[in-house]
Amino acid sequence: MANRPGMLLPALVVLCSASALRGQTTALPADALALRGHIDKYPVSLFLNREGELLAGHYWYDRSGEPIPVYGRLENGGLRLEASTRGADDKVEVFVLKASGAGWTGTWSQGGSARLLPVTLSARQDMPPMRTYRLSDSLAARKGRAEPMARFLATVSWPTGSSPREAFIRQETLQCLGTEGGQATDPIARARAARTAFFQEYAGQLKDVQPAEIREMPQSFNWSRDIRVSPASLTGNLLSLDGFRYEYTGGAHGLGASQYKVLDLASLRVLRQSDLLTDEGVRALPRLLEKHFRRTWRVKPGVSLEDAGLLVERIEAETYNFFLTDRTVVFSFAPYEIAAYAYGEVQIPVPFIDLKPYLRPAYAYLAEVTAK
């Protein structure tokens, strides 16, 4: 059946700018927001990306710079966000925000408590304006059957300005989407090329599969690929891009992880670990990563990393995957890289102040700013 091209049928295609889907949700002025302000007396930074009515990102208290994931939606002309830090004892935090001038005001609460803390946030003017593009498509394995199928989704935050730094962001965003598409310079063409390559892979896999095998285990042939490229943080002139990719191509479960890219918008180059840290600093990373893994994941002294659930006794990588906040370098490890699948992505924030002896001269200012 599947060796005939006509048996693989496109089931659904949606290609549009997210801004065209806003409907009644015009309260949010941009598809990517960098906000700064306070929860009560505590300075915070909040970073959000939008897809339609849904929002995702993270926030951190400026004193620590350790990112806390947030999720939410546009609701009643405002924003409702939920956040939860790691650990069974931690309670869900809730933000309820309304647009107020050039920013947002509202309340913060935790764990259903009636105690509400005031929130005030203002948009950062140095955040490049973004527009979100989305391609959703699916390919049915058998004619006249909705299942099984291959599903493809690409979501791209795309700078709309004309400055050299925004052209540089667009260039690196295209690289995050993948190499398919050759010299194409827009997200639509790149997303379509990535979709075509995925569907060709799916068709090739089905080529020698018998119909009875598909009927017996249809779930194994429900493939999916989800690619999302969006800003993760903006630290001065350093913009971190999150190139997230999730994939299921049969088996027990899919795999998803972020590959970060830090862009220096002043020099228009990608910041690599060797640009940020001296050779001595790279050698010191396993020790620092263990220290802060134990702190953030609450592992007591004397408990080995393997007993704490890791697959390794030394946290290291040949090339480290990281992004920046205003106070930390956050090192990220994909599922199975250092821990079992149940851990998900393991993220370890290392404060700039701990990296101060190892920062290259061009980025030594990061530790000086955070020390104030």
Protein backbone atom coordinates (compact mmCIF):
# COMPACT_ATOMS: atom_id res chain seq x y z
CA MET A 1 0.00 0.00 0.00
CA ALA A 2 2.53 2.59 1.11
CA ASN A 3 4.89 2.03 -1.81
CA ARG A 4 2.48 3.94 -4.05
CA PRO A 5 2.85 7.72 -3.66
CA GLY A 6 -0.87 8.26 -4.12
CA MET A 7 -1.60 6.41 -0.92
CA LEU A 8 0.14 9.05 1.22
CA LEU A 9 -2.24 11.97 1.37
CA PRO A 10 -1.88 15.44 2.90
CA ALA A 11 -4.56 15.68 5.56
CA LEU A 12 -4.29 19.26 6.83
CA VAL A 13 -2.24 22.32 6.04
CA VAL A 14 -2.32 25.59 7.97
CA LEU A 15 0.23 28.28 7.21
CA CYS A 16 -0.22 31.71 8.68
CA SER A 17 1.11 34.41 10.91
CA ALA A 18 -0.09 33.96 14.48
CA SER A 19 -1.08 37.60 14.45
CA ALA A 20 -3.84 36.74 11.99
CA LEU A 21 -5.39 34.40 14.56
CA ARG A 22 -5.71 36.86 17.42
CA GLY A 23 -9.44 37.54 17.13
CA GLN A 24 -10.45 39.04 20.47
CA THR A 25 -6.97 38.68 21.96
CA THR A 26 -5.37 41.93 20.85
CA ALA A 27 -4.27 42.93 24.37
CA LEU A 28 -0.77 41.51 23.83
CA PRO A 29 1.20 43.95 21.64
CA ALA A 30 3.85 41.51 20.40
CA ASP A 31 4.53 37.80 19.91
CA ALA A 32 7.61 37.87 22.14
CA LEU A 33 7.74 39.94 25.31
CA ALA A 34 10.65 40.82 27.56
CA LEU A 35 9.31 42.39 30.77
CA ARG A 36 10.88 43.78 33.91
CA GLY A 37 9.29 44.87 37.16
CA HIS A 38 8.41 43.68 40.64
CA ILE A 39 6.44 41.11 42.58
CA ASP A 40 5.78 43.17 45.68
CA LYS A 41 9.27 44.52 46.51
CA TYR A 42 11.19 41.81 44.65
CA PRO A 43 12.65 42.71 41.20
CA VAL A 44 11.79 40.15 38.53
CA SER A 45 12.20 39.57 34.80
CA LEU A 46 9.58 37.78 32.71
CA PHE A 47 10.06 36.44 29.21
CA LEU A 48 7.06 35.23 27.18
CA ASN A 49 6.46 33.86 23.71
CA ARG A 50 2.99 33.73 22.24
CA GLU A 51 1.27 31.34 19.83
CA GLY A 52 -2.32 32.40 19.30
CA GLU A 53 -3.89 32.59 22.77
CA LEU A 54 -1.24 30.40 24.40
CA LEU A 55 1.83 31.72 26.21
CA ALA A 56 5.03 30.05 27.40
CA GLY A 57 8.34 31.22 28.76
CA HIS A 58 10.02 31.72 32.12
CA TYR A 59 10.64 34.31 34.78
CA TRP A 60 13.34 34.82 37.36
CA TYR A 61 13.97 36.85 40.46
CA ASP A 62 16.74 39.26 39.58
CA ARG A 63 18.69 38.40 42.72
CA SER A 64 19.25 34.84 41.45
CA GLY A 65 18.55 34.78 37.71
CA GLU A 66 17.38 31.17 37.93
CA PRO A 67 14.59 30.60 35.36
CA ILE A 68 11.21 29.27 36.48
CA PRO A 69 9.00 27.96 33.61
CA VAL A 70 5.66 29.71 33.11
CA TYR A 71 2.68 28.74 30.96
CA GLY A 72 -0.63 30.39 30.37
CA ARG A 73 -3.06 32.05 28.02
CA LEU A 74 -4.74 35.29 27.10
CA GLU A 75 -7.87 35.44 29.24
CA ASN A 76 -10.53 38.11 29.72
CA GLY A 77 -8.46 40.73 27.96
CA GLY A 78 -5.41 40.00 30.12
CA LEU A 79 -2.92 37.25 30.97
CA ARG A 80 -3.18 34.30 33.31
CA LEU A 81 0.11 32.51 33.92
CA GLU A 82 1.09 29.56 36.09
CA ALA A 83 4.57 28.67 37.30
CA SER A 84 5.98 25.88 39.41
CA THR A 85 9.50 25.37 40.70
CA ARG A 86 11.05 21.95 41.16
CA GLY A 87 10.04 19.67 44.02
CA ALA A 88 6.96 18.01 45.48
CA ASP A 89 6.66 20.64 48.20
CA ASP A 90 6.49 23.55 45.78
CA LYS A 91 3.11 25.08 45.07
CA VAL A 92 1.83 26.48 41.79
CA GLU A 93 2.27 30.23 41.42
CA VAL A 94 -0.41 32.20 39.58
CA PHE A 95 -0.06 35.55 37.83
CA VAL A 96 -3.23 37.44 36.83
CA LEU A 97 -2.26 40.49 34.76
CA LYS A 98 -3.97 43.31 32.88
CA ALA A 99 -2.47 45.69 30.33
CA SER A 100 -1.62 49.03 31.92
CA GLY A 101 -0.12 51.69 29.68
CA ALA A 102 3.16 50.35 28.30
CA GLY A 103 3.19 47.47 30.78
CA TRP A 104 1.17 45.11 32.93
CA THR A 105 -0.21 45.16 36.46
CA GLY A 106 -1.93 42.52 38.54
CA THR A 107 -1.40 39.99 41.30
CA TRP A 108 0.75 37.01 42.22
CA SER A 109 -0.38 34.19 44.50
CA GLN A 110 0.90 30.76 45.46
CA GLY A 111 -0.80 27.47 46.15
CA GLY A 112 -4.32 28.82 46.16
CA SER A 113 -3.54 31.18 49.03
CA ALA A 114 -5.79 34.20 49.47
CA ARG A 115 -2.68 36.33 49.98
CA LEU A 116 -2.10 38.37 46.84
CA LEU A 117 1.09 40.27 46.10
CA PRO A 118 1.03 43.20 43.66
CA VAL A 119 2.80 42.82 40.31
CA THR A 120 4.00 45.64 38.05
CA LEU A 121 5.83 44.95 34.80
CA SER A 122 7.09 47.12 31.95
CA ALA A 123 8.09 46.08 28.44
CA ARG A 124 11.77 46.29 27.60
CA GLN A 125 12.29 48.57 24.66
CA ASP A 126 15.43 46.74 23.52
CA MET A 127 13.51 43.58 22.65
CA PRO A 128 13.33 43.23 18.84
CA PRO A 129 9.70 43.09 17.62
CA MET A 130 8.71 39.57 16.58
CA ARG A 131 6.02 37.99 14.47
CA THR A 132 5.17 34.31 14.88
CA TYR A 133 4.74 32.00 11.88
CA ARG A 134 3.26 28.53 12.11
CA LEU A 135 3.10 25.60 9.69
CA SER A 136 0.94 22.61 10.62
CA ASP A 137 0.61 19.67 8.25
CA SER A 138 -0.13 15.95 8.35
CA LEU A 139 0.24 13.02 6.01
CA ALA A 140 -2.06 9.99 6.18
CA ALA A 141 -0.51 6.57 5.76
CA ARG A 142 -3.57 5.00 4.08
CA LYS A 143 -6.11 6.40 1.70
CA GLY A 144 -9.43 7.18 3.34
CA ARG A 145 -8.09 6.67 6.86
CA ALA A 146 -7.39 9.48 9.32
CA GLU A 147 -5.04 7.30 11.35
CA PRO A 148 -2.20 6.58 11.47
CA MET A 149 -0.41 9.61 10.10
CA ALA A 150 2.69 11.75 10.32
CA ARG A 151 2.18 15.16 11.92
CA PHE A 152 4.48 18.12 11.42
CA LEU A 153 4.47 21.45 13.25
CA ALA A 154 6.89 24.36 12.93
CA THR A 155 6.55 27.56 14.96
CA VAL A 156 8.99 30.40 14.32
CA SER A 157 9.44 33.78 16.02
CA TRP A 158 10.65 36.10 13.26
CA PRO A 159 12.11 39.61 13.76
CA THR A 160 10.24 42.22 11.73
CA GLY A 161 12.79 45.07 11.82
CA SER A 162 15.35 46.01 9.17
CA SER A 163 18.47 46.62 11.28
CA PRO A 164 21.67 44.55 10.83
CA ARG A 165 21.11 42.87 14.20
CA GLU A 166 17.62 41.73 13.21
CA ALA A 167 18.96 40.43 9.89
CA PHE A 168 21.53 38.47 11.94
CA ILE A 169 18.79 37.04 14.19
CA ARG A 170 16.82 35.96 11.11
CA GLN A 171 19.90 34.27 9.66
CA GLU A 172 20.52 32.25 12.83
CA THR A 173 16.81 31.45 13.22
CA LEU A 174 16.87 29.83 9.80
CA GLN A 175 19.80 27.69 10.89
CA CYS A 176 17.80 26.53 13.92
CA LEU A 177 15.03 25.39 11.57
CA GLY A 178 17.42 23.01 9.82
CA THR A 179 19.49 22.75 6.69
CA GLU A 180 16.62 21.73 4.41
CA GLY A 181 15.59 24.54 2.11
CA GLY A 182 19.06 25.43 0.86
CA GLN A 183 19.40 29.16 0.37
CA ALA A 184 15.79 30.02 1.28
CA THR A 185 15.77 33.19 3.36
CA ASP A 186 12.28 33.14 4.86
CA PRO A 187 10.76 30.92 7.57
CA ILE A 188 7.89 29.73 5.38
CA ALA A 189 10.16 28.15 2.77
CA ARG A 190 12.42 26.61 5.43
CA ALA A 191 9.47 25.14 7.33
CA ARG A 192 8.03 23.68 4.14
CA ALA A 193 11.38 22.12 3.27
CA ALA A 194 11.67 20.58 6.75
CA ARG A 195 8.12 19.25 6.43
CA THR A 196 8.85 17.69 3.02
CA ALA A 197 11.97 15.96 4.31
CA PHE A 198 10.05 14.54 7.28
CA PHE A 199 7.22 13.24 5.11
CA GLN A 200 9.71 11.66 2.70
CA GLU A 201 11.32 9.88 5.64
CA TYR A 202 7.87 8.66 6.75
CA ALA A 203 6.98 7.41 3.27
CA GLY A 204 10.30 5.61 3.01
CA GLN A 205 9.71 3.86 6.32
CA LEU A 206 6.26 2.71 5.19
CA LYS A 207 7.44 1.48 1.82
CA ASP A 208 7.86 -2.17 2.84
CA VAL A 209 5.32 -2.27 5.69
CA GLN A 210 2.34 -4.57 5.20
CA PRO A 211 -1.22 -3.28 5.92
CA ALA A 212 -1.69 -5.98 8.58
CA GLU A 213 1.27 -4.63 10.55
CA ILE A 214 -0.22 -1.13 10.54
CA ARG A 215 -3.60 -2.47 11.68
CA GLU A 216 -1.96 -4.41 14.51
CA MET A 217 0.11 -1.50 15.92
CA PRO A 218 -1.23 1.75 14.40
CA GLN A 219 0.17 3.88 17.23
CA SER A 220 3.72 3.04 16.15
CA PHE A 221 3.04 4.70 12.81
CA ASN A 222 1.69 7.94 14.25
CA TRP A 223 4.90 9.88 13.74
CA SER A 224 5.30 13.49 14.77
CA ARG A 225 7.89 16.25 14.55
CA ASP A 226 7.56 19.61 16.33
CA ILE A 227 10.12 22.36 15.69
CA ARG A 228 9.93 25.67 17.57
CA VAL A 229 12.37 28.55 17.36
CA SER A 230 11.85 31.46 19.74
CA PRO A 231 13.80 33.86 21.97
CA ALA A 232 14.65 32.45 25.39
CA SER A 233 16.15 35.55 27.02
CA LEU A 234 17.74 38.91 26.35
CA THR A 235 20.71 39.89 28.51
CA GLY A 236 22.02 43.24 27.36
CA ASN A 237 23.19 42.62 23.80
CA LEU A 238 23.10 38.84 24.24
CA LEU A 239 19.96 37.19 22.81
CA SER A 240 19.43 33.49 23.52
CA LEU A 241 17.44 31.54 20.94
CA ASP A 242 15.64 28.33 21.88
CA GLY A 243 15.61 25.81 19.04
CA PHE A 244 13.26 23.16 20.46
CA ARG A 245 12.67 19.90 18.59
CA TYR A 246 10.38 17.02 19.57
CA GLU A 247 10.14 13.83 17.55
CA TYR A 248 8.32 10.52 17.70
CA THR A 249 9.11 7.91 15.05
CA GLY A 250 7.89 4.77 16.79
CA GLY A 251 8.95 3.09 20.01
CA ALA A 252 8.04 3.64 23.64
CA HIS A 253 8.03 7.44 23.57
CA GLY A 254 9.22 10.49 21.72
CA LEU A 255 12.17 12.70 22.53
CA GLY A 256 12.27 16.45 22.85
CA ALA A 257 14.98 18.93 23.81
CA SER A 258 16.10 22.49 23.25
CA GLN A 259 19.30 23.42 21.45
CA TYR A 260 20.17 26.94 22.50
CA LYS A 261 22.10 29.53 20.56
CA VAL A 262 23.42 32.73 22.16
CA LEU A 263 23.74 35.66 19.76
CA ASP A 264 25.99 38.61 20.48
CA LEU A 265 24.03 41.41 18.83
CA ALA A 266 26.90 43.89 19.25
CA SER A 267 29.48 41.87 17.31
CA LEU A 268 26.90 39.90 15.26
CA ARG A 269 28.36 36.51 16.08
CA VAL A 270 27.26 33.32 17.81
CA LEU A 271 28.68 33.10 21.33
CA ARG A 272 30.35 29.73 21.93
CA GLN A 273 31.68 28.29 25.17
CA SER A 274 35.26 29.07 24.11
CA ASP A 275 34.28 32.73 23.52
CA LEU A 276 32.70 32.99 26.97
CA LEU A 277 35.07 30.89 29.09
CA THR A 278 38.80 30.32 29.24
CA ASP A 279 40.17 26.80 28.81
CA GLU A 280 40.57 26.65 32.58
CA GLY A 281 36.92 27.63 32.92
CA VAL A 282 35.77 24.81 30.63
CA ARG A 283 37.81 22.38 32.74
CA ALA A 284 36.18 23.76 35.90
CA LEU A 285 32.64 23.28 34.60
CA PRO A 286 32.08 19.68 35.79
CA ARG A 287 32.84 20.75 39.36
CA LEU A 288 30.59 23.82 39.14
CA LEU A 289 27.81 21.87 37.44
CA GLU A 290 27.83 19.25 40.19
CA LYS A 291 27.77 21.97 42.87
CA HIS A 292 24.75 23.71 41.38
CA PHE A 293 22.98 20.50 40.38
CA ARG A 294 23.09 19.47 44.02
CA ARG A 295 21.78 22.88 45.06
CA THR A 296 18.95 23.26 42.55
CA TRP A 297 17.91 19.60 42.54
CA ARG A 298 18.26 19.34 46.34
CA VAL A 299 20.79 16.52 46.48
CA LYS A 300 22.38 16.19 49.91
CA PRO A 301 26.16 16.04 50.42
CA GLY A 302 27.46 12.49 50.44
CA VAL A 303 24.80 11.23 48.02
CA SER A 304 26.43 10.20 44.75
CA LEU A 305 25.12 11.63 41.49
CA GLU A 306 24.08 8.15 40.38
CA ASP A 307 22.19 7.59 43.62
CA ALA A 308 20.52 10.96 42.97
CA GLY A 309 19.19 9.59 39.68
CA LEU A 310 21.80 10.59 37.14
CA LEU A 311 23.33 8.20 34.64
CA VAL A 312 26.80 9.67 35.17
CA GLU A 313 29.13 10.47 38.05
CA ARG A 314 30.58 13.51 36.29
CA ILE A 315 28.44 16.16 34.55
CA GLU A 316 30.23 17.23 31.40
CA ALA A 317 29.88 17.54 27.64
CA GLU A 318 32.23 17.97 24.73
CA THR A 319 30.22 21.02 23.67
CA TYR A 320 27.95 22.58 26.28
CA ASN A 321 24.41 23.64 25.44
CA PHE A 322 23.55 26.85 27.30
CA PHE A 323 21.59 30.08 27.42
CA LEU A 324 21.90 33.19 29.59
CA THR A 325 19.76 35.03 32.07
CA ASP A 326 20.71 38.29 33.77
CA ARG A 327 22.55 36.41 36.53
CA THR A 328 23.39 32.93 35.29
CA VAL A 329 24.56 30.68 32.52
CA VAL A 330 21.95 27.91 32.32
CA PHE A 331 23.45 24.65 31.07
CA SER A 332 20.89 22.30 29.52
CA PHE A 333 21.15 18.54 28.97
CA ALA A 334 18.76 16.54 26.80
CA PRO A 335 16.93 13.44 28.08
CA TYR A 336 19.33 10.48 28.42
CA GLU A 337 22.35 12.77 28.08
CA ILE A 338 23.09 12.68 31.81
CA ALA A 339 19.81 11.47 33.32
CA ALA A 340 16.94 9.09 32.67
CA TYR A 341 14.01 10.08 30.46
CA ALA A 342 11.79 10.78 33.47
CA TYR A 343 14.01 13.73 34.40
CA GLY A 344 13.21 15.48 31.12
CA GLU A 345 15.69 18.18 30.20
CA VAL A 346 18.09 18.78 33.07
CA GLN A 347 18.88 22.49 33.41
CA ILE A 348 21.59 23.68 35.79
CA PRO A 349 21.99 27.43 36.38
CA VAL A 350 25.55 28.51 37.25
CA PRO A 351 25.83 32.11 38.54
CA PHE A 352 28.09 34.49 36.66
CA ILE A 353 29.79 35.31 39.94
CA ASP A 354 31.00 31.69 40.21
CA LEU A 355 32.34 31.93 36.67
CA LYS A 356 34.08 35.27 37.27
CA PRO A 357 37.65 33.83 37.39
CA TYR A 358 37.06 32.10 34.05
CA LEU A 359 35.22 34.65 31.91
CA ARG A 360 37.00 35.94 28.83
CA PRO A 361 37.83 39.68 29.03
CA ALA A 362 35.10 40.60 26.51
CA TYR A 363 32.43 39.16 28.84
CA ALA A 364 33.94 39.83 32.26
CA TYR A 365 31.34 42.58 32.70
CA LEU A 366 28.67 39.91 33.25
CA ALA A 367 30.09 39.04 36.65
CA GLU A 368 30.67 42.68 37.54
CA VAL A 369 27.04 43.59 36.86
CA THR A 370 25.67 40.68 38.88
CA ALA A 371 27.96 41.42 41.81
CA LYS A 372 26.27 44.81 42.37
